[in-house]
Amino acid sequence: MLGEEELRKLFPEYDDSIQPSGIDLRMDKLYRQTGCGSLIDDKKNLPSVEEVECVDGIYTLEAGTSYSVTIMGKTRIPVGYTMLYLPRSTLLRSFISVHTAVGDPGFYGTLQFMITNNGDYDYRIKRGERIAQAVVFKVDGSGRYDGSYQEED
């Protein structure tokens, strides 16, 4: 796993978010599912979503509800490295879970996770708050991500 010094070299765009062993990721927009989706024979049909209203910069996560959440800015993972995303402990202590995936070498684009209020009460969170931390690992002999979520630079 890479530490602060190496992270600053590889990810200068995150300079103000780098921690001793990772990069803090900030919540951007929140979306609620409005339709069904499917994954059959590796064919993706993502569910339709609508953006949740943000009142005075604050989102409300309703009790027992899951949402899709985007992370501020675009993320570029250099070839030869991978990112794992972990939830911030304050959210876990508040009954909020953040579900993530692996960031592949060569990925460029908008990160999108799922955030769930597992509690019995609503939870308020400000747009721009840190919700996850990316930890970066070197990958020997890696290829380059070329999946459907790759965005143009």
Protein backbone atom coordinates (compact mmCIF):
# COMPACT_ATOMS: atom_id res chain seq x y z
CA MET A 1 0.00 0.00 0.00
CA LEU A 2 1.30 3.46 -0.85
CA GLY A 3 1.87 6.10 1.80
CA GLU A 4 1.45 9.86 1.82
CA GLU A 5 4.73 10.70 0.08
CA GLU A 6 4.10 8.44 -2.92
CA LEU A 7 0.41 9.44 -3.10
CA ARG A 8 1.39 13.11 -3.42
CA LYS A 9 3.63 12.26 -6.39
CA LEU A 10 1.04 10.14 -8.19
CA PHE A 11 -2.10 12.15 -7.37
CA PRO A 12 -1.22 15.88 -7.17
CA GLU A 13 -4.86 16.76 -7.94
CA TYR A 14 -5.79 15.32 -4.52
CA ASP A 15 -3.09 17.20 -2.58
CA ASP A 16 -5.56 18.64 -0.04
CA SER A 17 -7.21 15.23 0.51
CA ILE A 18 -4.19 12.98 1.01
CA GLN A 19 -3.91 11.23 4.36
CA PRO A 20 -1.00 9.13 5.73
CA SER A 21 -2.22 5.99 3.94
CA GLY A 22 -4.94 7.06 1.51
CA ILE A 23 -6.95 9.72 -0.29
CA ASP A 24 -10.17 11.11 1.16
CA LEU A 25 -13.06 11.12 -1.31
CA ARG A 26 -15.84 13.69 -1.06
CA MET A 27 -19.53 13.20 -1.75
CA ASP A 28 -20.92 15.03 -4.76
CA LYS A 29 -24.43 14.11 -5.92
CA LEU A 30 -26.95 11.66 -4.50
CA TYR A 31 -29.41 9.61 -6.58
CA ARG A 32 -32.48 7.52 -5.76
CA GLN A 33 -33.41 4.46 -7.81
CA THR A 34 -36.59 4.92 -9.86
CA GLY A 35 -36.66 1.77 -11.99
CA CYS A 36 -35.41 -1.77 -12.29
CA GLY A 37 -32.15 -2.97 -13.76
CA SER A 38 -30.53 -6.26 -14.70
CA LEU A 39 -27.30 -8.12 -15.35
CA ILE A 40 -27.86 -11.11 -17.62
CA ASP A 41 -25.13 -12.82 -19.63
CA ASP A 42 -22.78 -9.93 -18.83
CA LYS A 43 -25.21 -7.42 -20.40
CA LYS A 44 -25.74 -4.43 -18.09
CA ASN A 45 -29.04 -2.63 -17.84
CA LEU A 46 -28.55 -0.04 -15.10
CA PRO A 47 -31.64 1.09 -13.17
CA SER A 48 -33.00 4.55 -13.82
CA VAL A 49 -32.27 7.11 -11.11
CA GLU A 50 -33.26 10.62 -10.14
CA GLU A 51 -31.14 13.16 -8.28
CA VAL A 52 -32.14 13.68 -4.66
CA GLU A 53 -32.91 17.27 -3.67
CA CYS A 54 -30.05 18.97 -1.85
CA VAL A 55 -31.43 21.63 0.50
CA ASP A 56 -28.93 24.30 1.55
CA GLY A 57 -26.10 21.91 0.67
CA ILE A 58 -27.54 19.10 2.84
CA TYR A 59 -28.83 15.72 1.70
CA THR A 60 -31.14 13.59 3.86
CA LEU A 61 -30.56 9.83 3.76
CA GLU A 62 -33.87 8.25 4.66
CA ALA A 63 -33.81 5.38 7.15
CA GLY A 64 -33.53 1.95 5.51
CA THR A 65 -32.81 3.39 2.05
CA SER A 66 -29.93 2.93 -0.39
CA TYR A 67 -28.71 5.56 -2.84
CA SER A 68 -26.16 5.93 -5.59
CA VAL A 69 -23.57 8.61 -4.80
CA THR A 70 -20.93 10.22 -7.00
CA ILE A 71 -17.56 11.46 -5.82
CA MET A 72 -16.37 15.01 -6.56
CA GLY A 73 -13.96 15.38 -9.47
CA LYS A 74 -12.60 12.83 -11.90
CA THR A 75 -10.26 10.06 -10.78
CA ARG A 76 -7.28 8.90 -12.81
CA ILE A 77 -5.61 5.67 -11.73
CA PRO A 78 -2.18 5.25 -13.30
CA VAL A 79 -1.39 1.99 -15.09
CA GLY A 80 0.48 -0.21 -12.64
CA TYR A 81 -1.70 0.81 -9.66
CA THR A 82 -5.11 -0.09 -8.27
CA MET A 83 -7.42 1.60 -5.77
CA LEU A 84 -9.55 0.03 -3.08
CA TYR A 85 -12.23 2.21 -1.51
CA LEU A 86 -13.14 2.00 2.16
CA PRO A 87 -15.89 3.81 4.10
CA ARG A 88 -15.05 6.47 6.69
CA SER A 89 -15.47 5.15 10.22
CA THR A 90 -17.70 8.04 11.31
CA LEU A 91 -20.32 6.88 8.83
CA LEU A 92 -20.13 3.28 10.02
CA ARG A 93 -20.61 4.46 13.59
CA SER A 94 -23.70 6.33 12.37
CA PHE A 95 -25.28 3.22 10.77
CA ILE A 96 -24.32 4.43 7.26
CA SER A 97 -22.52 2.02 4.94
CA VAL A 98 -20.68 2.85 1.74
CA HIS A 99 -20.46 0.01 -0.78
CA THR A 100 -17.58 0.22 -3.23
CA ALA A 101 -15.64 -1.68 -5.87
CA VAL A 102 -12.05 -1.95 -7.11
CA GLY A 103 -10.54 0.86 -9.18
CA ASP A 104 -8.61 -0.75 -12.03
CA PRO A 105 -5.27 0.41 -13.46
CA GLY A 106 -5.81 3.01 -16.19
CA PHE A 107 -9.34 3.97 -15.12
CA TYR A 108 -10.34 7.59 -15.67
CA GLY A 109 -13.74 8.97 -14.74
CA THR A 110 -16.36 9.62 -12.11
CA LEU A 111 -16.43 7.29 -9.13
CA GLN A 112 -19.88 6.09 -8.14
CA PHE A 113 -20.66 4.13 -4.98
CA MET A 114 -23.74 3.03 -3.08
CA ILE A 115 -24.51 4.60 0.29
CA THR A 116 -27.10 3.05 2.60
CA ASN A 117 -28.74 4.30 5.77
CA ASN A 118 -29.03 1.09 7.77
CA GLY A 119 -30.45 2.92 10.78
CA ASP A 120 -33.95 3.52 12.01
CA TYR A 121 -33.71 7.30 11.64
CA ASP A 122 -32.91 9.73 8.84
CA TYR A 123 -29.33 10.94 8.54
CA ARG A 124 -28.24 14.33 7.21
CA ILE A 125 -24.99 14.79 5.33
CA LYS A 126 -23.51 17.82 3.64
CA ARG A 127 -22.45 17.72 0.00
CA GLY A 128 -18.63 17.69 -0.05
CA GLU A 129 -18.20 15.65 3.13
CA ARG A 130 -15.59 12.89 3.12
CA ILE A 131 -17.39 9.55 2.78
CA ALA A 132 -14.65 7.13 1.69
CA GLN A 133 -10.90 6.75 1.51
CA ALA A 134 -9.01 5.34 -1.47
CA VAL A 135 -6.02 3.18 -0.67
CA VAL A 136 -3.57 2.57 -3.49
CA PHE A 137 -1.53 -0.52 -4.26
CA LYS A 138 1.13 -1.23 -6.86
CA VAL A 139 0.13 -3.94 -9.36
CA ASP A 140 2.89 -5.79 -11.15
CA GLY A 141 2.20 -6.62 -14.79
CA SER A 142 -1.15 -4.85 -14.94
CA GLY A 143 -3.09 -4.05 -18.06
CA ARG A 144 -5.27 -0.98 -18.63
CA TYR A 145 -8.98 -0.65 -17.83
CA ASP A 146 -11.10 -0.44 -20.99
CA GLY A 147 -14.59 -0.99 -19.60
CA SER A 148 -17.83 0.84 -20.22
CA TYR A 149 -17.34 3.31 -17.36
CA GLN A 150 -14.16 4.78 -18.83
CA GLU A 151 -14.63 8.49 -19.59
CA GLU A 152 -12.78 10.66 -22.11
CA ASP A 153 -10.07 12.91 -20.74
